[in-house]
Amino acid sequence: MARAAKPSGSKRPNFDTSLTRRAGHRESRQRLLVVCGAKVTERDYLQGLKSSARNPAVSLKIVECPRSPSQVVDHAVLLRDQADGEYDATWCVLDVDEFPNLGQTAVEARKKNIEVAFSNPCFEVWLLLHFKDYRRPAQSFKQLMPALDEAFPAGYGKTGMKFDLYAPRWRLAASRAKQLAESGKEHEVNPSTGMWKLALAIGGGEAQP
């Protein structure tokens, strides 16, 4: 038989209730693993977004893996499986560039329950969408440079990632990106980017109308 609690004039349940709330909060948090197929820029942007959005419902681990898209997906699968259920969703952030067989990579990722944010041709399309409704096809980062120079008068990349430039605009960028390609088909459409889905998963809420 359970022992009855002694009556007390103190408000002891406040402590227990607080613990219960914190435990429940941890349980409901969406735990994301993001594997980036390039160095620095993607990682710094995602870290800046997480800090700026201050979304307590999401925890984020970012790993860099500068390899081919198929290798990045395989590495993401390995990390997820080794973590044994630690993550609720696993993402890969990938550039199209000149990599072949991306359709097959997309199929394999879906089979393995890996979310993919393709940017076509590269991640900088997503950054441009923060500042303009960019729709001009480009085959490489080099071909994007005129638009980047226009968007960043001080010179793109020369001062590193300063997320405060992007913080007020990422939902607008998500809205623009949604219009460029069908979700999951970004590797087939130039320019386009699936980064809007990952940004909303991290920041929460909806794209800006």
N, C-alpha and C. Protein backbone atom coordinates (compact mmCIF):
# COMPACT_ATOMS: atom_id res chain seq x y z
N MET A 1 0.85 -1.19 0.00
CA MET A 1 0.00 0.00 0.00
C MET A 1 0.88 1.24 0.00
N ALA A 2 0.59 2.19 -0.88
CA ALA A 2 1.41 3.40 -0.96
C ALA A 2 1.25 4.23 0.28
N ARG A 3 2.35 4.82 0.75
CA ARG A 3 2.32 5.67 1.93
C ARG A 3 1.72 7.02 1.57
N ALA A 4 0.77 7.47 2.38
CA ALA A 4 0.12 8.76 2.13
C ALA A 4 1.09 9.88 2.40
N ALA A 5 1.04 10.91 1.59
CA ALA A 5 1.92 12.06 1.77
C ALA A 5 1.52 12.82 3.00
N LYS A 6 2.50 13.32 3.75
CA LYS A 6 2.21 14.12 4.93
C LYS A 6 1.70 15.48 4.53
N PRO A 7 0.69 15.97 5.24
CA PRO A 7 0.19 17.31 4.93
C PRO A 7 1.26 18.35 5.19
N SER A 8 1.29 19.37 4.41
CA SER A 8 2.29 20.41 4.59
C SER A 8 1.70 21.73 4.15
N GLY A 9 2.10 22.77 4.82
CA GLY A 9 1.63 24.09 4.45
C GLY A 9 2.44 24.69 3.32
N SER A 10 3.60 24.06 2.95
CA SER A 10 4.43 24.60 1.88
C SER A 10 3.86 24.22 0.54
N LYS A 11 4.32 24.88 -0.49
CA LYS A 11 3.86 24.63 -1.86
C LYS A 11 4.89 23.76 -2.58
N ARG A 12 5.18 22.61 -1.96
CA ARG A 12 6.17 21.71 -2.52
C ARG A 12 5.85 21.24 -3.94
N PRO A 13 4.57 21.03 -4.31
CA PRO A 13 4.29 20.56 -5.67
C PRO A 13 4.85 21.44 -6.77
N ASN A 14 5.15 22.70 -6.46
CA ASN A 14 5.70 23.58 -7.49
C ASN A 14 6.99 23.01 -8.06
N PHE A 15 7.84 22.44 -7.20
CA PHE A 15 9.11 21.89 -7.65
C PHE A 15 8.87 20.68 -8.54
N ASP A 16 7.98 19.78 -8.10
CA ASP A 16 7.71 18.57 -8.88
C ASP A 16 7.06 18.92 -10.21
N THR A 17 6.15 19.89 -10.17
CA THR A 17 5.48 20.30 -11.40
C THR A 17 6.48 20.88 -12.38
N SER A 18 7.45 21.66 -11.85
CA SER A 18 8.45 22.25 -12.73
C SER A 18 9.28 21.16 -13.40
N LEU A 19 9.66 20.14 -12.63
CA LEU A 19 10.42 19.04 -13.20
C LEU A 19 9.63 18.33 -14.28
N THR A 20 8.34 18.13 -14.01
CA THR A 20 7.48 17.45 -14.98
C THR A 20 7.39 18.23 -16.27
N ARG A 21 7.26 19.55 -16.17
CA ARG A 21 7.18 20.40 -17.36
C ARG A 21 8.46 20.29 -18.17
N ARG A 22 9.62 20.35 -17.47
CA ARG A 22 10.88 20.29 -18.19
C ARG A 22 11.07 18.95 -18.88
N ALA A 23 10.69 17.88 -18.18
CA ALA A 23 10.82 16.56 -18.77
C ALA A 23 9.93 16.43 -20.00
N GLY A 24 8.70 16.91 -19.87
CA GLY A 24 7.79 16.86 -21.01
C GLY A 24 8.29 17.68 -22.17
N HIS A 25 8.92 18.81 -21.87
CA HIS A 25 9.45 19.67 -22.92
C HIS A 25 10.56 18.96 -23.68
N ARG A 26 11.43 18.28 -22.94
CA ARG A 26 12.51 17.55 -23.60
C ARG A 26 11.96 16.46 -24.50
N GLU A 27 10.91 15.77 -24.04
CA GLU A 27 10.34 14.69 -24.81
C GLU A 27 9.72 15.18 -26.12
N SER A 28 9.18 16.39 -26.11
CA SER A 28 8.48 16.89 -27.29
C SER A 28 9.42 17.61 -28.26
N ARG A 29 10.66 17.80 -27.88
CA ARG A 29 11.60 18.51 -28.74
C ARG A 29 11.95 17.68 -29.97
N GLN A 30 11.94 18.31 -31.13
CA GLN A 30 12.31 17.66 -32.38
C GLN A 30 13.82 17.69 -32.51
N ARG A 31 14.42 16.52 -32.57
CA ARG A 31 15.88 16.41 -32.60
C ARG A 31 16.32 16.17 -34.04
N LEU A 32 17.05 17.13 -34.59
CA LEU A 32 17.45 17.08 -35.99
C LEU A 32 18.94 16.86 -36.14
N LEU A 33 19.30 15.97 -37.05
CA LEU A 33 20.68 15.79 -37.47
C LEU A 33 20.78 16.32 -38.90
N VAL A 34 21.71 17.24 -39.14
CA VAL A 34 21.89 17.82 -40.48
C VAL A 34 23.33 17.56 -40.92
N VAL A 35 23.47 16.91 -42.08
CA VAL A 35 24.79 16.63 -42.64
C VAL A 35 24.96 17.48 -43.89
N CYS A 36 25.95 18.36 -43.87
CA CYS A 36 26.18 19.30 -44.98
C CYS A 36 27.25 18.76 -45.91
N GLY A 37 26.97 18.84 -47.21
CA GLY A 37 27.91 18.35 -48.19
C GLY A 37 28.99 19.34 -48.56
N ALA A 38 29.12 20.42 -47.82
CA ALA A 38 30.16 21.42 -48.05
C ALA A 38 30.59 21.97 -46.69
N LYS A 39 31.65 22.76 -46.70
CA LYS A 39 32.18 23.29 -45.44
C LYS A 39 31.70 24.72 -45.18
N VAL A 40 31.67 25.07 -43.94
CA VAL A 40 31.59 26.43 -43.40
C VAL A 40 30.27 27.15 -43.67
N THR A 41 29.98 27.54 -44.91
CA THR A 41 28.85 28.45 -45.17
C THR A 41 27.53 27.86 -44.69
N GLU A 42 27.24 26.63 -45.11
CA GLU A 42 25.98 26.01 -44.72
C GLU A 42 25.90 25.84 -43.20
N ARG A 43 27.00 25.37 -42.61
CA ARG A 43 27.02 25.18 -41.16
C ARG A 43 26.79 26.50 -40.43
N ASP A 44 27.50 27.55 -40.84
CA ASP A 44 27.37 28.84 -40.16
C ASP A 44 25.97 29.41 -40.32
N TYR A 45 25.39 29.23 -41.50
CA TYR A 45 24.02 29.72 -41.71
C TYR A 45 23.05 28.99 -40.79
N LEU A 46 23.13 27.68 -40.74
CA LEU A 46 22.19 26.90 -39.93
C LEU A 46 22.35 27.20 -38.44
N GLN A 47 23.58 27.36 -37.99
CA GLN A 47 23.80 27.72 -36.59
C GLN A 47 23.23 29.11 -36.30
N GLY A 48 23.41 30.03 -37.25
CA GLY A 48 22.85 31.37 -37.08
C GLY A 48 21.34 31.34 -37.04
N LEU A 49 20.73 30.54 -37.90
CA LEU A 49 19.27 30.42 -37.91
C LEU A 49 18.75 29.86 -36.60
N LYS A 50 19.40 28.82 -36.09
CA LYS A 50 18.95 28.22 -34.82
C LYS A 50 19.04 29.22 -33.69
N SER A 51 20.15 29.97 -33.64
CA SER A 51 20.31 30.96 -32.57
C SER A 51 19.31 32.10 -32.70
N SER A 52 19.07 32.54 -33.94
CA SER A 52 18.18 33.66 -34.17
C SER A 52 16.72 33.29 -33.92
N ALA A 53 16.31 32.10 -34.40
CA ALA A 53 14.91 31.70 -34.28
C ALA A 53 14.53 31.39 -32.84
N ARG A 54 15.48 30.93 -32.04
CA ARG A 54 15.23 30.62 -30.63
C ARG A 54 14.01 29.71 -30.47
N ASN A 55 13.97 28.68 -31.29
CA ASN A 55 12.85 27.75 -31.25
C ASN A 55 13.16 26.64 -30.25
N PRO A 56 12.53 26.65 -29.06
CA PRO A 56 12.87 25.65 -28.04
C PRO A 56 12.37 24.25 -28.39
N ALA A 57 11.54 24.14 -29.41
CA ALA A 57 10.99 22.85 -29.79
C ALA A 57 11.93 22.04 -30.66
N VAL A 58 13.12 22.59 -30.97
CA VAL A 58 14.06 21.93 -31.88
C VAL A 58 15.46 21.92 -31.27
N SER A 59 16.13 20.78 -31.36
CA SER A 59 17.56 20.71 -31.08
C SER A 59 18.25 20.31 -32.39
N LEU A 60 19.48 20.76 -32.55
CA LEU A 60 20.14 20.65 -33.85
C LEU A 60 21.59 20.22 -33.70
N LYS A 61 21.96 19.20 -34.46
CA LYS A 61 23.37 18.80 -34.56
C LYS A 61 23.76 18.89 -36.03
N ILE A 62 24.87 19.60 -36.30
CA ILE A 62 25.32 19.81 -37.68
C ILE A 62 26.67 19.13 -37.87
N VAL A 63 26.78 18.38 -38.95
CA VAL A 63 28.01 17.68 -39.30
C VAL A 63 28.41 18.05 -40.72
N GLU A 64 29.68 18.32 -40.93
CA GLU A 64 30.18 18.61 -42.27
C GLU A 64 30.73 17.34 -42.92
N CYS A 65 30.40 17.15 -44.19
CA CYS A 65 30.87 15.98 -44.93
C CYS A 65 31.07 16.40 -46.39
N PRO A 66 32.18 17.06 -46.71
CA PRO A 66 32.39 17.58 -48.07
C PRO A 66 32.75 16.47 -49.06
N ARG A 67 31.72 15.74 -49.47
CA ARG A 67 31.88 14.64 -50.42
C ARG A 67 30.78 14.72 -51.47
N SER A 68 30.68 13.71 -52.31
CA SER A 68 29.63 13.68 -53.31
C SER A 68 28.27 13.49 -52.63
N PRO A 69 27.17 13.90 -53.29
CA PRO A 69 25.85 13.77 -52.67
C PRO A 69 25.53 12.36 -52.18
N SER A 70 25.84 11.34 -52.97
CA SER A 70 25.53 9.97 -52.55
C SER A 70 26.34 9.59 -51.31
N GLN A 71 27.58 10.05 -51.22
CA GLN A 71 28.41 9.77 -50.06
C GLN A 71 27.90 10.50 -48.82
N VAL A 72 27.40 11.71 -49.02
CA VAL A 72 26.84 12.46 -47.89
C VAL A 72 25.61 11.75 -47.34
N VAL A 73 24.76 11.26 -48.23
CA VAL A 73 23.56 10.52 -47.79
C VAL A 73 23.97 9.27 -47.03
N ASP A 74 24.94 8.54 -47.56
CA ASP A 74 25.41 7.32 -46.88
C ASP A 74 25.97 7.65 -45.50
N HIS A 75 26.70 8.76 -45.40
CA HIS A 75 27.28 9.14 -44.11
C HIS A 75 26.17 9.54 -43.13
N ALA A 76 25.15 10.21 -43.63
CA ALA A 76 24.02 10.59 -42.77
C ALA A 76 23.32 9.35 -42.23
N VAL A 77 23.13 8.36 -43.09
CA VAL A 77 22.51 7.10 -42.65
C VAL A 77 23.35 6.45 -41.56
N LEU A 78 24.67 6.42 -41.76
CA LEU A 78 25.57 5.82 -40.79
C LEU A 78 25.49 6.53 -39.44
N LEU A 79 25.54 7.86 -39.45
CA LEU A 79 25.49 8.61 -38.20
C LEU A 79 24.16 8.42 -37.49
N ARG A 80 23.09 8.44 -38.27
CA ARG A 80 21.76 8.25 -37.66
C ARG A 80 21.63 6.88 -37.02
N ASP A 81 22.06 5.85 -37.74
CA ASP A 81 21.92 4.49 -37.22
C ASP A 81 22.82 4.25 -36.01
N GLN A 82 24.00 4.85 -36.04
CA GLN A 82 24.90 4.71 -34.88
C GLN A 82 24.33 5.40 -33.65
N ALA A 83 23.53 6.46 -33.86
CA ALA A 83 22.95 7.20 -32.75
C ALA A 83 21.80 6.44 -32.11
N ASP A 84 21.29 5.41 -32.79
CA ASP A 84 20.29 4.50 -32.21
C ASP A 84 19.07 5.24 -31.67
N GLY A 85 18.41 5.99 -32.55
CA GLY A 85 17.16 6.64 -32.17
C GLY A 85 17.30 8.00 -31.53
N GLU A 86 18.51 8.54 -31.50
CA GLU A 86 18.72 9.85 -30.86
C GLU A 86 18.06 10.97 -31.65
N TYR A 87 17.90 10.79 -32.96
CA TYR A 87 17.36 11.87 -33.80
C TYR A 87 15.98 11.51 -34.34
N ASP A 88 15.13 12.53 -34.41
CA ASP A 88 13.79 12.35 -34.96
C ASP A 88 13.77 12.50 -36.47
N ALA A 89 14.68 13.27 -37.01
CA ALA A 89 14.77 13.45 -38.46
C ALA A 89 16.22 13.72 -38.84
N THR A 90 16.62 13.21 -40.01
CA THR A 90 17.97 13.41 -40.51
C THR A 90 17.91 14.07 -41.88
N TRP A 91 18.69 15.14 -42.03
CA TRP A 91 18.69 15.94 -43.26
C TRP A 91 20.08 15.93 -43.89
N CYS A 92 20.09 16.04 -45.22
CA CYS A 92 21.32 16.32 -45.95
C CYS A 92 21.14 17.64 -46.70
N VAL A 93 22.14 18.50 -46.63
CA VAL A 93 22.15 19.76 -47.38
C VAL A 93 23.14 19.60 -48.52
N LEU A 94 22.63 19.62 -49.76
CA LEU A 94 23.44 19.26 -50.91
C LEU A 94 23.35 20.28 -52.04
N ASP A 95 24.47 20.51 -52.69
CA ASP A 95 24.50 21.30 -53.92
C ASP A 95 24.38 20.37 -55.12
N VAL A 96 23.74 20.86 -56.17
CA VAL A 96 23.66 20.09 -57.40
C VAL A 96 24.98 20.18 -58.15
N ASP A 97 25.49 21.40 -58.36
CA ASP A 97 26.74 21.61 -59.10
C ASP A 97 26.75 20.77 -60.38
N GLU A 98 27.79 19.99 -60.57
CA GLU A 98 27.89 19.14 -61.76
C GLU A 98 27.87 17.65 -61.39
N PHE A 99 27.32 17.34 -60.22
CA PHE A 99 27.28 15.94 -59.79
C PHE A 99 26.27 15.16 -60.63
N PRO A 100 26.63 13.93 -61.03
CA PRO A 100 25.71 13.11 -61.83
C PRO A 100 24.78 12.28 -60.94
N ASN A 101 23.76 11.69 -61.56
CA ASN A 101 22.89 10.70 -60.92
C ASN A 101 22.20 11.22 -59.65
N LEU A 102 21.83 12.49 -59.66
CA LEU A 102 21.19 13.04 -58.47
C LEU A 102 19.78 12.51 -58.28
N GLY A 103 19.14 12.13 -59.40
CA GLY A 103 17.82 11.53 -59.28
C GLY A 103 17.89 10.25 -58.48
N GLN A 104 18.90 9.44 -58.74
CA GLN A 104 19.08 8.20 -57.99
C GLN A 104 19.42 8.47 -56.54
N THR A 105 20.23 9.50 -56.31
CA THR A 105 20.55 9.88 -54.93
C THR A 105 19.29 10.27 -54.17
N ALA A 106 18.42 11.03 -54.83
CA ALA A 106 17.16 11.44 -54.19
C ALA A 106 16.30 10.23 -53.86
N VAL A 107 16.23 9.28 -54.78
CA VAL A 107 15.43 8.06 -54.56
C VAL A 107 15.99 7.27 -53.38
N GLU A 108 17.30 7.09 -53.35
CA GLU A 108 17.93 6.33 -52.28
C GLU A 108 17.72 7.01 -50.93
N ALA A 109 17.80 8.33 -50.92
CA ALA A 109 17.59 9.06 -49.66
C ALA A 109 16.17 8.83 -49.14
N ARG A 110 15.18 8.88 -50.04
CA ARG A 110 13.80 8.64 -49.61
C ARG A 110 13.64 7.23 -49.06
N LYS A 111 14.25 6.25 -49.72
CA LYS A 111 14.16 4.86 -49.26
C LYS A 111 14.73 4.71 -47.85
N LYS A 112 15.77 5.48 -47.56
CA LYS A 112 16.45 5.38 -46.28
C LYS A 112 15.92 6.38 -45.25
N ASN A 113 14.82 7.04 -45.60
CA ASN A 113 14.17 8.01 -44.70
C ASN A 113 15.09 9.17 -44.33
N ILE A 114 15.80 9.67 -45.34
CA ILE A 114 16.66 10.84 -45.18
C ILE A 114 16.03 11.99 -45.95
N GLU A 115 15.85 13.12 -45.28
CA GLU A 115 15.36 14.32 -45.95
C GLU A 115 16.54 15.01 -46.66
N VAL A 116 16.27 15.55 -47.85
CA VAL A 116 17.34 16.21 -48.60
C VAL A 116 16.90 17.62 -48.99
N ALA A 117 17.78 18.58 -48.73
CA ALA A 117 17.59 19.97 -49.18
C ALA A 117 18.62 20.22 -50.28
N PHE A 118 18.20 19.98 -51.54
CA PHE A 118 19.05 20.28 -52.69
C PHE A 118 19.00 21.77 -52.99
N SER A 119 20.14 22.34 -53.39
CA SER A 119 20.17 23.69 -53.94
C SER A 119 20.77 23.60 -55.33
N ASN A 120 20.09 24.18 -56.29
CA ASN A 120 20.49 24.06 -57.70
C ASN A 120 20.76 25.44 -58.30
N PRO A 121 22.02 25.79 -58.61
CA PRO A 121 23.16 24.89 -58.63
C PRO A 121 23.87 24.76 -57.28
N CYS A 122 23.66 25.74 -56.38
CA CYS A 122 24.41 25.71 -55.12
C CYS A 122 23.66 26.48 -54.04
N PHE A 123 24.18 26.39 -52.83
CA PHE A 123 23.54 26.95 -51.63
C PHE A 123 23.30 28.45 -51.76
N GLU A 124 24.13 29.12 -52.54
CA GLU A 124 24.01 30.58 -52.65
C GLU A 124 22.69 31.01 -53.27
N VAL A 125 22.01 30.12 -53.99
CA VAL A 125 20.66 30.45 -54.48
C VAL A 125 19.75 30.75 -53.29
N TRP A 126 19.84 29.94 -52.26
CA TRP A 126 19.04 30.16 -51.06
C TRP A 126 19.38 31.51 -50.42
N LEU A 127 20.65 31.85 -50.36
CA LEU A 127 21.04 33.13 -49.77
C LEU A 127 20.52 34.30 -50.60
N LEU A 128 20.58 34.19 -51.92
CA LEU A 128 20.07 35.26 -52.79
C LEU A 128 18.59 35.49 -52.58
N LEU A 129 17.84 34.44 -52.33
CA LEU A 129 16.39 34.57 -52.18
C LEU A 129 16.00 35.39 -50.94
N HIS A 130 16.93 35.59 -50.05
CA HIS A 130 16.66 36.49 -48.91
C HIS A 130 16.53 37.93 -49.37
N PHE A 131 17.15 38.27 -50.51
CA PHE A 131 17.24 39.66 -50.93
C PHE A 131 16.51 39.96 -52.24
N LYS A 132 16.26 38.93 -53.04
CA LYS A 132 15.57 39.17 -54.31
C LYS A 132 14.87 37.88 -54.77
N ASP A 133 13.87 38.05 -55.57
CA ASP A 133 13.14 36.91 -56.13
C ASP A 133 13.92 36.40 -57.33
N TYR A 134 14.97 35.66 -57.03
CA TYR A 134 15.94 35.26 -58.06
C TYR A 134 15.41 34.06 -58.86
N ARG A 135 15.40 34.19 -60.20
CA ARG A 135 14.86 33.11 -61.05
C ARG A 135 15.72 32.85 -62.30
N ARG A 136 16.90 33.41 -62.37
CA ARG A 136 17.73 33.25 -63.56
C ARG A 136 18.57 31.97 -63.45
N PRO A 137 18.48 31.06 -64.42
CA PRO A 137 19.28 29.83 -64.36
C PRO A 137 20.77 30.14 -64.31
N ALA A 138 21.49 29.34 -63.56
CA ALA A 138 22.95 29.46 -63.47
C ALA A 138 23.52 28.07 -63.32
N GLN A 139 24.61 27.81 -63.99
CA GLN A 139 25.19 26.48 -64.00
C GLN A 139 26.25 26.28 -62.92
N SER A 140 26.63 27.35 -62.25
CA SER A 140 27.70 27.24 -61.28
C SER A 140 27.67 28.43 -60.33
N PHE A 141 28.46 28.31 -59.26
CA PHE A 141 28.63 29.41 -58.33
C PHE A 141 29.17 30.65 -59.05
N LYS A 142 30.11 30.43 -59.97
CA LYS A 142 30.70 31.55 -60.71
C LYS A 142 29.64 32.35 -61.45
N GLN A 143 28.66 31.67 -62.03
CA GLN A 143 27.62 32.37 -62.77
C GLN A 143 26.65 33.12 -61.85
N LEU A 144 26.67 32.78 -60.59
CA LEU A 144 25.85 33.51 -59.62
C LEU A 144 26.53 34.77 -59.09
N MET A 145 27.81 34.91 -59.34
CA MET A 145 28.57 36.00 -58.75
C MET A 145 28.02 37.39 -59.04
N PRO A 146 27.58 37.70 -60.28
CA PRO A 146 27.01 39.04 -60.50
C PRO A 146 25.83 39.33 -59.58
N ALA A 147 24.94 38.36 -59.41
CA ALA A 147 23.79 38.56 -58.53
C ALA A 147 24.23 38.67 -57.08
N LEU A 148 25.23 37.89 -56.69
CA LEU A 148 25.75 37.97 -55.32
C LEU A 148 26.41 39.32 -55.06
N ASP A 149 27.15 39.82 -56.03
CA ASP A 149 27.79 41.13 -55.87
C ASP A 149 26.74 42.23 -55.72
N GLU A 150 25.62 42.07 -56.42
CA GLU A 150 24.55 43.06 -56.32
C GLU A 150 23.88 43.00 -54.95
N ALA A 151 23.69 41.78 -54.45
CA ALA A 151 23.02 41.61 -53.16
C ALA A 151 23.92 41.96 -51.98
N PHE A 152 25.24 41.79 -52.17
CA PHE A 152 26.21 42.03 -51.10
C PHE A 152 27.24 43.05 -51.58
N PRO A 153 26.93 44.35 -51.49
CA PRO A 153 27.84 45.39 -51.99
C PRO A 153 29.23 45.33 -51.38
N ALA A 154 29.33 44.84 -50.14
CA ALA A 154 30.64 44.77 -49.48
C ALA A 154 31.45 43.58 -49.97
N GLY A 155 30.84 42.74 -50.78
CA GLY A 155 31.54 41.57 -51.30
C GLY A 155 31.09 40.31 -50.62
N TYR A 156 30.46 39.41 -51.36
CA TYR A 156 29.98 38.17 -50.77
C TYR A 156 31.14 37.30 -50.29
N GLY A 157 31.03 36.82 -49.06
CA GLY A 157 32.01 35.88 -48.53
C GLY A 157 33.26 36.51 -47.96
N LYS A 158 33.46 37.81 -48.15
CA LYS A 158 34.70 38.42 -47.70
C LYS A 158 34.72 38.69 -46.20
N THR A 159 33.56 38.80 -45.61
CA THR A 159 33.50 39.08 -44.18
C THR A 159 32.91 37.91 -43.40
N GLY A 160 32.75 36.76 -44.05
CA GLY A 160 32.20 35.61 -43.36
C GLY A 160 30.69 35.72 -43.21
N MET A 161 30.11 34.69 -42.65
CA MET A 161 28.67 34.64 -42.46
C MET A 161 28.22 35.53 -41.31
N LYS A 162 27.43 36.54 -41.62
CA LYS A 162 26.84 37.40 -40.60
C LYS A 162 25.33 37.19 -40.67
N PHE A 163 24.81 36.36 -39.77
CA PHE A 163 23.42 35.95 -39.91
C PHE A 163 22.45 37.09 -39.68
N ASP A 164 22.88 38.16 -39.04
CA ASP A 164 21.96 39.26 -38.83
C ASP A 164 21.48 39.86 -40.16
N LEU A 165 22.24 39.64 -41.24
CA LEU A 165 21.79 40.09 -42.56
C LEU A 165 20.59 39.28 -43.05
N TYR A 166 20.54 38.03 -42.63
CA TYR A 166 19.51 37.11 -43.12
C TYR A 166 18.33 36.97 -42.17
N ALA A 167 18.55 37.25 -40.89
CA ALA A 167 17.56 36.98 -39.86
C ALA A 167 16.17 37.53 -40.15
N PRO A 168 16.04 38.78 -40.64
CA PRO A 168 14.68 39.30 -40.88
C PRO A 168 14.05 38.78 -42.17
N ARG A 169 14.81 38.01 -42.96
CA ARG A 169 14.36 37.71 -44.32
C ARG A 169 14.19 36.22 -44.63
N TRP A 170 14.52 35.35 -43.70
CA TRP A 170 14.55 33.93 -44.08
C TRP A 170 13.16 33.38 -44.38
N ARG A 171 12.13 33.88 -43.74
CA ARG A 171 10.78 33.42 -44.06
C ARG A 171 10.35 33.91 -45.45
N LEU A 172 10.77 35.09 -45.82
CA LEU A 172 10.51 35.58 -47.18
C LEU A 172 11.24 34.71 -48.20
N ALA A 173 12.49 34.36 -47.88
CA ALA A 173 13.24 33.46 -48.76
C ALA A 173 12.54 32.12 -48.91
N ALA A 174 11.96 31.62 -47.82
CA ALA A 174 11.23 30.35 -47.88
C ALA A 174 10.03 30.45 -48.80
N SER A 175 9.31 31.56 -48.71
CA SER A 175 8.15 31.77 -49.58
C SER A 175 8.57 31.79 -51.05
N ARG A 176 9.65 32.47 -51.35
CA ARG A 176 10.13 32.55 -52.73
C ARG A 176 10.61 31.18 -53.21
N ALA A 177 11.32 30.45 -52.35
CA ALA A 177 11.86 29.15 -52.74
C ALA A 177 10.74 28.15 -53.04
N LYS A 178 9.66 28.21 -52.29
CA LYS A 178 8.54 27.28 -52.50
C LYS A 178 7.96 27.41 -53.91
N GLN A 179 8.08 28.59 -54.51
CA GLN A 179 7.50 28.84 -55.82
C GLN A 179 8.40 28.37 -56.97
N LEU A 180 9.64 28.03 -56.68
CA LEU A 180 10.59 27.72 -57.76
C LEU A 180 10.49 26.28 -58.26
N ALA A 181 10.12 25.35 -57.38
CA ALA A 181 10.10 23.95 -57.79
C ALA A 181 9.17 23.16 -56.89
N GLU A 182 8.66 22.08 -57.42
CA GLU A 182 7.88 21.15 -56.60
C GLU A 182 8.78 20.56 -55.53
N SER A 183 8.25 20.42 -54.33
CA SER A 183 9.03 19.87 -53.24
C SER A 183 9.58 18.49 -53.59
N GLY A 184 10.87 18.32 -53.42
CA GLY A 184 11.53 17.07 -53.74
C GLY A 184 12.08 16.99 -55.15
N LYS A 185 11.78 18.02 -55.96
CA LYS A 185 12.23 18.03 -57.36
C LYS A 185 13.28 19.12 -57.61
N GLU A 186 13.83 19.66 -56.55
CA GLU A 186 14.75 20.80 -56.71
C GLU A 186 16.00 20.44 -57.51
N HIS A 187 16.41 19.20 -57.47
CA HIS A 187 17.60 18.81 -58.24
C HIS A 187 17.35 18.84 -59.75
N GLU A 188 16.07 18.96 -60.15
CA GLU A 188 15.71 18.97 -61.56
C GLU A 188 15.44 20.38 -62.10
N VAL A 189 15.36 21.37 -61.22
CA VAL A 189 14.95 22.72 -61.61
C VAL A 189 16.04 23.72 -61.26
N ASN A 190 16.44 24.52 -62.22
CA ASN A 190 17.48 25.53 -62.02
C ASN A 190 16.92 26.91 -62.36
N PRO A 191 16.96 27.86 -61.39
CA PRO A 191 17.45 27.70 -60.02
C PRO A 191 16.33 27.22 -59.10
N SER A 192 16.72 26.59 -58.03
CA SER A 192 15.76 26.22 -56.99
C SER A 192 16.53 25.78 -55.75
N THR A 193 15.80 25.63 -54.66
CA THR A 193 16.42 25.17 -53.43
C THR A 193 15.34 24.60 -52.50
N GLY A 194 15.67 23.49 -51.88
CA GLY A 194 14.79 22.91 -50.89
C GLY A 194 15.12 23.34 -49.47
N MET A 195 15.97 24.33 -49.34
CA MET A 195 16.36 24.80 -48.01
C MET A 195 15.20 25.37 -47.22
N TRP A 196 14.15 25.79 -47.90
CA TRP A 196 13.02 26.38 -47.19
C TRP A 196 12.39 25.37 -46.23
N LYS A 197 12.37 24.09 -46.60
CA LYS A 197 11.77 23.07 -45.74
C LYS A 197 12.59 22.89 -44.47
N LEU A 198 13.91 22.84 -44.62
CA LEU A 198 14.77 22.70 -43.45
C LEU A 198 14.73 23.94 -42.58
N ALA A 199 14.71 25.12 -43.20
CA ALA A 199 14.65 26.37 -42.43
C ALA A 199 13.39 26.42 -41.56
N LEU A 200 12.27 26.01 -42.13
CA LEU A 200 11.02 26.01 -41.35
C LEU A 200 11.05 24.93 -40.28
N ALA A 201 11.70 23.80 -40.54
CA ALA A 201 11.81 22.76 -39.53
C ALA A 201 12.62 23.25 -38.33
N ILE A 202 13.63 24.09 -38.61
CA ILE A 202 14.47 24.62 -37.52
C ILE A 202 13.81 25.82 -36.85
N GLY A 203 13.31 26.75 -37.65
CA GLY A 203 12.77 27.99 -37.11
C GLY A 203 11.33 27.90 -36.65
N GLY A 204 10.58 26.92 -37.18
CA GLY A 204 9.17 26.78 -36.83
C GLY A 204 8.30 27.76 -37.61
N GLY A 205 7.01 27.52 -37.58
CA GLY A 205 6.06 28.42 -38.22
C GLY A 205 5.94 28.18 -39.71
N GLU A 206 5.51 29.22 -40.42
CA GLU A 206 5.24 29.13 -41.84
C GLU A 206 6.10 30.12 -42.62
N ALA A 207 6.16 29.90 -43.93
CA ALA A 207 6.86 30.85 -44.79
C ALA A 207 6.10 32.16 -44.81
N GLN A 208 6.82 33.26 -45.00
CA GLN A 208 6.19 34.57 -45.08
C GLN A 208 5.40 34.69 -46.39
N PRO A 209 4.15 35.14 -46.31
CA PRO A 209 3.34 35.26 -47.54
C PRO A 209 3.97 36.21 -48.53
